[in-house]
Amino acid sequence: MAAPLHRTVAAELRDRIRSGAIGVGEALPSETQLCREFGASRGPVRQALAALRDEGLIGGGQGKRPVVLDSVPAQPFESFQSFTTRAELTGHTPGQRLQEIALRRPEPSVAAALQLDDDTPAVQLLRLRLLDGRPAMLERMTYVESVGRPLLDADLDAGSIYALLIERGVDLHAARHTFDAVPADATDAALLEVPEGTPLLRERRLTSDSSGRPLEWSDDRYRSDVATVTVTNTRSSRAPVTRL
């Protein structure tokens, strides 16, 4: 089945922006030109442009030609749970290569985050994530044993761990994300194919069930040329009340 036309248009424009064929600061073709090029009506073209705006790649509108703002699509903050979903939404082919998985005692800081006793084992894994076959992100994930044990026998090169856990009925209800920059260590450098010390975007995530019990701790490190994060804040009409 052919992809919807608006996705085809968006994917082609992403490729041109990513490759530098349309540089940052340059204007995209007009809607009329895009309709002619892709044999499309204005509806699919406008849907494609709206998707690129949501990703932070282009700006403009209201009669103005869209202008390229960035060459790397921003990931919506809400979708930072599934790498596979984010990749597909931005026109990439996701992939993965499991490096190791084991049941063992996590380091004290991770055990504390998951509210585990020091001698309680957890399932830990190291997995390289790919975009279009290229290294993009390195996952260091730790699951409480009751959640992670089925992963020991699963094919973790087949797709999203998040989707697999949801299918198994795991209650992944809420996550707290912390973002910072860290230098690539020896493992990061070797697997992500960057020099040691290269700045990486790190996301640390603590995921809990609906009762607030921690289930997963993850330290994900992204190549800075393939990931950015955009958070949109809207000022409410009524200021929140703070009580001391």
C-alpha atoms as a PDB file:
ATOM      1  CA  MET A   1       0.000   0.000   0.000  1.00  0.00           C
ATOM      2  CA  ALA A   2       1.376   3.387  -0.998  1.00  0.00           C
ATOM      3  CA  ALA A   3       2.111   5.911   1.753  1.00  0.00           C
ATOM      4  CA  PRO A   4      -0.309   8.851   2.059  1.00  0.00           C
ATOM      5  CA  LEU A   5       0.727  11.674  -0.249  1.00  0.00           C
ATOM      6  CA  HIS A   6       1.356  14.179   2.556  1.00  0.00           C
ATOM      7  CA  ARG A   7       3.882  11.774   4.133  1.00  0.00           C
ATOM      8  CA  THR A   8       5.637  11.339   0.800  1.00  0.00           C
ATOM      9  CA  VAL A   9       5.908  15.114   0.370  1.00  0.00           C
ATOM     10  CA  ALA A  10       7.124  15.587   3.956  1.00  0.00           C
ATOM     11  CA  ALA A  11       9.728  12.809   3.617  1.00  0.00           C
ATOM     12  CA  GLU A  12      11.128  14.294   0.412  1.00  0.00           C
ATOM     13  CA  LEU A  13      11.376  17.781   1.915  1.00  0.00           C
ATOM     14  CA  ARG A  14      13.054  16.363   5.053  1.00  0.00           C
ATOM     15  CA  ASP A  15      15.629  14.649   2.856  1.00  0.00           C
ATOM     16  CA  ARG A  16      16.380  17.873   1.008  1.00  0.00           C
ATOM     17  CA  ILE A  17      16.763  19.798   4.262  1.00  0.00           C
ATOM     18  CA  ARG A  18      18.870  17.062   5.890  1.00  0.00           C
ATOM     19  CA  SER A  19      21.188  16.834   2.869  1.00  0.00           C
ATOM     20  CA  GLY A  20      21.622  20.603   2.626  1.00  0.00           C
ATOM     21  CA  ALA A  21      19.892  20.845  -0.746  1.00  0.00           C
ATOM     22  CA  ILE A  22      17.711  23.428   0.987  1.00  0.00           C
ATOM     23  CA  GLY A  23      19.904  25.125   3.562  1.00  0.00           C
ATOM     24  CA  VAL A  24      19.063  26.708   6.898  1.00  0.00           C
ATOM     25  CA  GLY A  25      17.673  30.178   6.218  1.00  0.00           C
ATOM     26  CA  GLU A  26      16.538  29.307   2.708  1.00  0.00           C
ATOM     27  CA  ALA A  27      12.905  29.292   1.602  1.00  0.00           C
ATOM     28  CA  LEU A  28      11.064  26.162   0.509  1.00  0.00           C
ATOM     29  CA  PRO A  29       9.310  26.104  -2.865  1.00  0.00           C
ATOM     30  CA  SER A  30       5.897  27.742  -2.814  1.00  0.00           C
ATOM     31  CA  GLU A  31       2.745  25.698  -2.261  1.00  0.00           C
ATOM     32  CA  THR A  32       1.944  26.121  -5.943  1.00  0.00           C
ATOM     33  CA  GLN A  33       5.353  24.761  -6.946  1.00  0.00           C
ATOM     34  CA  LEU A  34       5.051  21.825  -4.543  1.00  0.00           C
ATOM     35  CA  CYS A  35       1.557  20.983  -5.812  1.00  0.00           C
ATOM     36  CA  ARG A  36       2.880  20.951  -9.365  1.00  0.00           C
ATOM     37  CA  GLU A  37       5.978  18.901  -8.497  1.00  0.00           C
ATOM     38  CA  PHE A  38       4.127  16.196  -6.546  1.00  0.00           C
ATOM     39  CA  GLY A  39       0.888  16.240  -8.507  1.00  0.00           C
ATOM     40  CA  ALA A  40      -0.956  17.087  -5.304  1.00  0.00           C
ATOM     41  CA  SER A  41      -3.738  19.375  -4.188  1.00  0.00           C
ATOM     42  CA  ARG A  42      -3.052  22.014  -1.554  1.00  0.00           C
ATOM     43  CA  GLY A  43      -4.428  19.827   1.254  1.00  0.00           C
ATOM     44  CA  PRO A  44      -1.630  17.197   1.310  1.00  0.00           C
ATOM     45  CA  VAL A  45       1.028  19.864   0.732  1.00  0.00           C
ATOM     46  CA  ARG A  46      -0.224  21.891   3.694  1.00  0.00           C
ATOM     47  CA  GLN A  47      -0.350  18.746   5.858  1.00  0.00           C
ATOM     48  CA  ALA A  48       3.282  18.028   4.946  1.00  0.00           C
ATOM     49  CA  LEU A  49       4.372  21.581   5.767  1.00  0.00           C
ATOM     50  CA  ALA A  50       2.480  21.455   9.069  1.00  0.00           C
ATOM     51  CA  ALA A  51       4.373  18.278  10.014  1.00  0.00           C
ATOM     52  CA  LEU A  52       7.717  19.965   9.287  1.00  0.00           C
ATOM     53  CA  ARG A  53       6.687  22.967  11.384  1.00  0.00           C
ATOM     54  CA  ASP A  54       5.777  20.681  14.294  1.00  0.00           C
ATOM     55  CA  GLU A  55       9.249  19.120  14.021  1.00  0.00           C
ATOM     56  CA  GLY A  56      10.892  22.549  14.158  1.00  0.00           C
ATOM     57  CA  LEU A  57      12.412  22.201  10.693  1.00  0.00           C
ATOM     58  CA  ILE A  58      10.615  25.157   9.107  1.00  0.00           C
ATOM     59  CA  GLY A  59       8.938  28.389  10.124  1.00  0.00           C
ATOM     60  CA  GLY A  60       6.692  30.856   8.396  1.00  0.00           C
ATOM     61  CA  GLY A  61       3.071  30.743   7.375  1.00  0.00           C
ATOM     62  CA  GLN A  62       0.128  33.087   6.968  1.00  0.00           C
ATOM     63  CA  GLY A  63       1.040  33.885   3.392  1.00  0.00           C
ATOM     64  CA  LYS A  64       4.819  33.799   3.894  1.00  0.00           C
ATOM     65  CA  ARG A  65       7.069  31.222   2.232  1.00  0.00           C
ATOM     66  CA  PRO A  66       8.260  28.576   4.728  1.00  0.00           C
ATOM     67  CA  VAL A  67      11.914  29.036   5.703  1.00  0.00           C
ATOM     68  CA  VAL A  68      14.243  26.294   6.947  1.00  0.00           C
ATOM     69  CA  LEU A  69      15.081  26.774  10.650  1.00  0.00           C
ATOM     70  CA  ASP A  70      17.049  23.608  11.376  1.00  0.00           C
ATOM     71  CA  SER A  71      18.352  20.523   9.584  1.00  0.00           C
ATOM     72  CA  VAL A  72      17.624  18.083  12.440  1.00  0.00           C
ATOM     73  CA  PRO A  73      13.966  17.298  13.246  1.00  0.00           C
ATOM     74  CA  ALA A  74      13.046  17.981  16.848  1.00  0.00           C
ATOM     75  CA  GLN A  75      11.334  15.190  18.732  1.00  0.00           C
ATOM     76  CA  PRO A  76       8.057  16.077  20.464  1.00  0.00           C
ATOM     77  CA  PHE A  77       8.657  15.861  24.214  1.00  0.00           C
ATOM     78  CA  GLU A  78       5.612  13.628  24.667  1.00  0.00           C
ATOM     79  CA  SER A  79       7.039  10.971  22.341  1.00  0.00           C
ATOM     80  CA  PHE A  80      10.394  10.527  24.065  1.00  0.00           C
ATOM     81  CA  GLN A  81       9.313   7.097  25.289  1.00  0.00           C
ATOM     82  CA  SER A  82       9.664   5.114  22.059  1.00  0.00           C
ATOM     83  CA  PHE A  83      12.658   5.611  19.755  1.00  0.00           C
ATOM     84  CA  THR A  84      10.942   3.498  17.081  1.00  0.00           C
ATOM     85  CA  THR A  85       7.843   5.718  17.045  1.00  0.00           C
ATOM     86  CA  ARG A  86       9.891   8.915  16.907  1.00  0.00           C
ATOM     87  CA  ALA A  87      11.993   7.591  14.045  1.00  0.00           C
ATOM     88  CA  GLU A  88       8.965   6.606  11.986  1.00  0.00           C
ATOM     89  CA  LEU A  89       7.213   9.929  12.639  1.00  0.00           C
ATOM     90  CA  THR A  90      10.213  11.818  11.255  1.00  0.00           C
ATOM     91  CA  GLY A  91      10.621   9.698   8.136  1.00  0.00           C
ATOM     92  CA  HIS A  92      13.520   7.462   9.263  1.00  0.00           C
ATOM     93  CA  THR A  93      13.895   3.689   9.332  1.00  0.00           C
ATOM     94  CA  PRO A  94      14.646   2.585  12.923  1.00  0.00           C
ATOM     95  CA  GLY A  95      16.925  -0.291  13.818  1.00  0.00           C
ATOM     96  CA  GLN A  96      18.668  -1.817  16.809  1.00  0.00           C
ATOM     97  CA  ARG A  97      21.540  -4.090  17.807  1.00  0.00           C
ATOM     98  CA  LEU A  98      21.545  -5.654  21.247  1.00  0.00           C
ATOM     99  CA  GLN A  99      25.039  -5.559  22.765  1.00  0.00           C
ATOM    100  CA  GLU A 100      24.376  -7.314  26.068  1.00  0.00           C
ATOM    101  CA  ILE A 101      21.623  -8.265  28.514  1.00  0.00           C
ATOM    102  CA  ALA A 102      21.960  -9.772  31.982  1.00  0.00           C
ATOM    103  CA  LEU A 103      20.268 -10.261  35.340  1.00  0.00           C
ATOM    104  CA  ARG A 104      22.564  -8.667  37.920  1.00  0.00           C
ATOM    105  CA  ARG A 105      22.784  -6.226  40.793  1.00  0.00           C
ATOM    106  CA  PRO A 106      22.585  -2.667  39.479  1.00  0.00           C
ATOM    107  CA  GLU A 107      24.922   0.044  40.678  1.00  0.00           C
ATOM    108  CA  PRO A 108      23.771   1.801  43.903  1.00  0.00           C
ATOM    109  CA  SER A 109      22.439   4.938  42.191  1.00  0.00           C
ATOM    110  CA  VAL A 110      20.235   2.913  39.824  1.00  0.00           C
ATOM    111  CA  ALA A 111      19.059   0.624  42.637  1.00  0.00           C
ATOM    112  CA  ALA A 112      18.086   3.705  44.645  1.00  0.00           C
ATOM    113  CA  ALA A 113      16.147   5.181  41.703  1.00  0.00           C
ATOM    114  CA  LEU A 114      14.220   1.903  41.333  1.00  0.00           C
ATOM    115  CA  GLN A 115      13.752   1.597  45.113  1.00  0.00           C
ATOM    116  CA  LEU A 116      15.573  -1.748  45.193  1.00  0.00           C
ATOM    117  CA  ASP A 117      17.651  -3.187  47.991  1.00  0.00           C
ATOM    118  CA  ASP A 118      21.368  -3.291  47.267  1.00  0.00           C
ATOM    119  CA  ASP A 119      21.351  -7.084  46.802  1.00  0.00           C
ATOM    120  CA  THR A 120      18.225  -7.234  44.589  1.00  0.00           C
ATOM    121  CA  PRO A 121      18.969  -8.166  40.963  1.00  0.00           C
ATOM    122  CA  ALA A 122      17.521  -6.337  37.982  1.00  0.00           C
ATOM    123  CA  VAL A 123      17.572  -6.881  34.234  1.00  0.00           C
ATOM    124  CA  GLN A 124      20.106  -4.597  32.522  1.00  0.00           C
ATOM    125  CA  LEU A 125      20.782  -4.226  28.827  1.00  0.00           C
ATOM    126  CA  LEU A 126      22.915  -2.223  26.450  1.00  0.00           C
ATOM    127  CA  ARG A 127      21.452  -1.649  22.988  1.00  0.00           C
ATOM    128  CA  LEU A 128      22.556   0.432  20.013  1.00  0.00           C
ATOM    129  CA  ARG A 129      19.767   2.224  18.126  1.00  0.00           C
ATOM    130  CA  LEU A 130      20.054   3.048  14.426  1.00  0.00           C
ATOM    131  CA  LEU A 131      18.504   5.553  12.052  1.00  0.00           C
ATOM    132  CA  ASP A 132      18.600   4.461   8.410  1.00  0.00           C
ATOM    133  CA  GLY A 133      21.330   1.996   9.353  1.00  0.00           C
ATOM    134  CA  ARG A 134      23.569   4.598  11.055  1.00  0.00           C
ATOM    135  CA  PRO A 135      24.363   4.677  14.801  1.00  0.00           C
ATOM    136  CA  ALA A 136      22.157   7.235  16.523  1.00  0.00           C
ATOM    137  CA  MET A 137      21.635   6.417  20.196  1.00  0.00           C
ATOM    138  CA  LEU A 138      22.942   4.067  22.884  1.00  0.00           C
ATOM    139  CA  GLU A 139      20.506   2.723  25.484  1.00  0.00           C
ATOM    140  CA  ARG A 140      21.515   1.612  28.974  1.00  0.00           C
ATOM    141  CA  MET A 141      18.296   0.261  30.463  1.00  0.00           C
ATOM    142  CA  THR A 142      17.507  -1.306  33.830  1.00  0.00           C
ATOM    143  CA  TYR A 143      14.188  -2.999  34.653  1.00  0.00           C
ATOM    144  CA  VAL A 144      12.909  -4.391  37.923  1.00  0.00           C
ATOM    145  CA  GLU A 145      13.111  -8.177  37.640  1.00  0.00           C
ATOM    146  CA  SER A 146       9.353  -8.791  37.374  1.00  0.00           C
ATOM    147  CA  VAL A 147       9.172  -6.512  34.308  1.00  0.00           C
ATOM    148  CA  GLY A 148      12.512  -7.276  32.696  1.00  0.00           C
ATOM    149  CA  ARG A 149      12.798 -11.068  33.030  1.00  0.00           C
ATOM    150  CA  PRO A 150      10.713 -11.784  29.857  1.00  0.00           C
ATOM    151  CA  LEU A 151      13.195  -9.631  27.906  1.00  0.00           C
ATOM    152  CA  LEU A 152      15.947 -12.175  28.581  1.00  0.00           C
ATOM    153  CA  ASP A 153      14.322 -14.563  26.079  1.00  0.00           C
ATOM    154  CA  ALA A 154      12.898 -11.982  23.663  1.00  0.00           C
ATOM    155  CA  ASP A 155      14.309 -10.894  20.296  1.00  0.00           C
ATOM    156  CA  LEU A 156      15.302  -7.366  21.208  1.00  0.00           C
ATOM    157  CA  ASP A 157      16.626  -6.699  17.693  1.00  0.00           C
ATOM    158  CA  ALA A 158      13.075  -7.029  16.346  1.00  0.00           C
ATOM    159  CA  GLY A 159      11.729  -3.629  17.394  1.00  0.00           C
ATOM    160  CA  SER A 160      10.532  -1.470  20.256  1.00  0.00           C
ATOM    161  CA  ILE A 161      10.971  -2.741  23.824  1.00  0.00           C
ATOM    162  CA  TYR A 162       8.358  -0.205  24.896  1.00  0.00           C
ATOM    163  CA  ALA A 163       5.798  -1.716  22.486  1.00  0.00           C
ATOM    164  CA  LEU A 164       6.729  -5.237  23.600  1.00  0.00           C
ATOM    165  CA  LEU A 165       6.150  -4.404  27.256  1.00  0.00           C
ATOM    166  CA  ILE A 166       2.830  -2.702  26.507  1.00  0.00           C
ATOM    167  CA  GLU A 167       1.708  -5.801  24.591  1.00  0.00           C
ATOM    168  CA  ARG A 168       2.591  -7.904  27.654  1.00  0.00           C
ATOM    169  CA  GLY A 169       0.365  -5.702  29.803  1.00  0.00           C
ATOM    170  CA  VAL A 170       3.100  -3.837  31.685  1.00  0.00           C
ATOM    171  CA  ASP A 171       1.669  -0.685  33.286  1.00  0.00           C
ATOM    172  CA  LEU A 172       4.037   1.981  31.950  1.00  0.00           C
ATOM    173  CA  HIS A 173       2.062   4.949  33.204  1.00  0.00           C
ATOM    174  CA  ALA A 174       4.367   7.930  33.753  1.00  0.00           C
ATOM    175  CA  ALA A 175       7.956   8.946  33.106  1.00  0.00           C
ATOM    176  CA  ARG A 176      10.256  11.658  34.386  1.00  0.00           C
ATOM    177  CA  HIS A 177      12.833  12.795  31.828  1.00  0.00           C
ATOM    178  CA  THR A 178      16.072  14.636  32.571  1.00  0.00           C
ATOM    179  CA  PHE A 179      18.201  15.981  29.716  1.00  0.00           C
ATOM    180  CA  ASP A 180      21.803  17.126  29.799  1.00  0.00           C
ATOM    181  CA  ALA A 181      25.025  16.907  27.800  1.00  0.00           C
ATOM    182  CA  VAL A 182      27.804  14.428  28.553  1.00  0.00           C
ATOM    183  CA  PRO A 183      31.117  13.560  26.842  1.00  0.00           C
ATOM    184  CA  ALA A 184      31.223  10.221  25.043  1.00  0.00           C
ATOM    185  CA  ASP A 185      33.006   7.562  27.078  1.00  0.00           C
ATOM    186  CA  ALA A 186      34.928   4.690  25.483  1.00  0.00           C
ATOM    187  CA  THR A 187      31.810   2.534  25.020  1.00  0.00           C
ATOM    188  CA  ASP A 188      29.782   5.420  23.590  1.00  0.00           C
ATOM    189  CA  ALA A 189      32.581   6.342  21.195  1.00  0.00           C
ATOM    190  CA  ALA A 190      33.069   2.817  19.877  1.00  0.00           C
ATOM    191  CA  LEU A 191      29.390   2.064  19.272  1.00  0.00           C
ATOM    192  CA  LEU A 192      28.205   5.510  18.155  1.00  0.00           C
ATOM    193  CA  GLU A 193      31.273   5.940  15.924  1.00  0.00           C
ATOM    194  CA  VAL A 194      32.316   9.300  17.347  1.00  0.00           C
ATOM    195  CA  PRO A 195      35.596  10.411  18.953  1.00  0.00           C
ATOM    196  CA  GLU A 196      35.845   9.876  22.703  1.00  0.00           C
ATOM    197  CA  GLY A 197      34.833  13.073  24.480  1.00  0.00           C
ATOM    198  CA  THR A 198      32.323  14.117  21.803  1.00  0.00           C
ATOM    199  CA  PRO A 199      29.309  15.889  23.396  1.00  0.00           C
ATOM    200  CA  LEU A 200      26.214  13.665  23.467  1.00  0.00           C
ATOM    201  CA  LEU A 201      22.621  14.508  24.364  1.00  0.00           C
ATOM    202  CA  ARG A 202      21.738  12.355  27.371  1.00  0.00           C
ATOM    203  CA  GLU A 203      18.203  11.497  28.442  1.00  0.00           C
ATOM    204  CA  ARG A 204      17.767   9.880  31.839  1.00  0.00           C
ATOM    205  CA  ARG A 205      14.291   8.427  32.300  1.00  0.00           C
ATOM    206  CA  LEU A 206      12.534   6.967  35.321  1.00  0.00           C
ATOM    207  CA  THR A 207       9.313   5.175  34.362  1.00  0.00           C
ATOM    208  CA  SER A 208       6.664   4.233  36.922  1.00  0.00           C
ATOM    209  CA  ASP A 209       3.358   2.359  36.966  1.00  0.00           C
ATOM    210  CA  SER A 210       0.012   3.949  37.827  1.00  0.00           C
ATOM    211  CA  SER A 211       0.630   3.374  41.551  1.00  0.00           C
ATOM    212  CA  GLY A 212       3.923   5.257  41.383  1.00  0.00           C
ATOM    213  CA  ARG A 213       6.149   2.168  41.653  1.00  0.00           C
ATOM    214  CA  PRO A 214       9.369   2.569  39.592  1.00  0.00           C
ATOM    215  CA  LEU A 215       9.754  -0.011  36.822  1.00  0.00           C
ATOM    216  CA  GLU A 216      12.545   1.231  34.556  1.00  0.00           C
ATOM    217  CA  TRP A 217      15.629   3.415  34.713  1.00  0.00           C
ATOM    218  CA  SER A 218      17.266   4.357  31.436  1.00  0.00           C
ATOM    219  CA  ASP A 219      20.342   6.333  30.415  1.00  0.00           C
ATOM    220  CA  ASP A 220      20.071   7.051  26.672  1.00  0.00           C
ATOM    221  CA  ARG A 221      22.835   8.882  24.809  1.00  0.00           C
ATOM    222  CA  TYR A 222      22.187  10.446  21.414  1.00  0.00           C
ATOM    223  CA  ARG A 223      24.548  11.701  18.775  1.00  0.00           C
ATOM    224  CA  SER A 224      23.927  15.446  18.744  1.00  0.00           C
ATOM    225  CA  ASP A 225      23.567  15.492  14.954  1.00  0.00           C
ATOM    226  CA  VAL A 226      20.482  13.261  15.031  1.00  0.00           C
ATOM    227  CA  ALA A 227      18.422  14.444  18.017  1.00  0.00           C
ATOM    228  CA  THR A 228      17.069  17.658  19.467  1.00  0.00           C
ATOM    229  CA  VAL A 229      14.218  18.224  21.917  1.00  0.00           C
ATOM    230  CA  THR A 230      11.495  20.843  21.659  1.00  0.00           C
ATOM    231  CA  VAL A 231       9.194  21.685  24.577  1.00  0.00           C
ATOM    232  CA  THR A 232       6.265  24.035  23.972  1.00  0.00           C
ATOM    233  CA  ASN A 233       4.872  25.905  26.974  1.00  0.00           C
ATOM    234  CA  THR A 234       1.553  27.745  26.893  1.00  0.00           C
ATOM    235  CA  ARG A 235       0.752  30.364  29.497  1.00  0.00           C
ATOM    236  CA  SER A 236      -2.603  29.584  31.063  1.00  0.00           C
ATOM    237  CA  SER A 237      -5.202  32.324  31.436  1.00  0.00           C
ATOM    238  CA  ARG A 238      -5.247  31.730  35.162  1.00  0.00           C
ATOM    239  CA  ALA A 239      -1.997  31.669  37.107  1.00  0.00           C
ATOM    240  CA  PRO A 240      -1.575  28.670  39.419  1.00  0.00           C
ATOM    241  CA  VAL A 241      -1.870  29.290  43.141  1.00  0.00           C
ATOM    242  CA  THR A 242       1.212  28.489  45.194  1.00  0.00           C
ATOM    243  CA  ARG A 243       0.776  27.796  48.889  1.00  0.00           C
ATOM    244  CA  LEU A 244       3.699  27.744  51.282  1.00  0.00           C
END
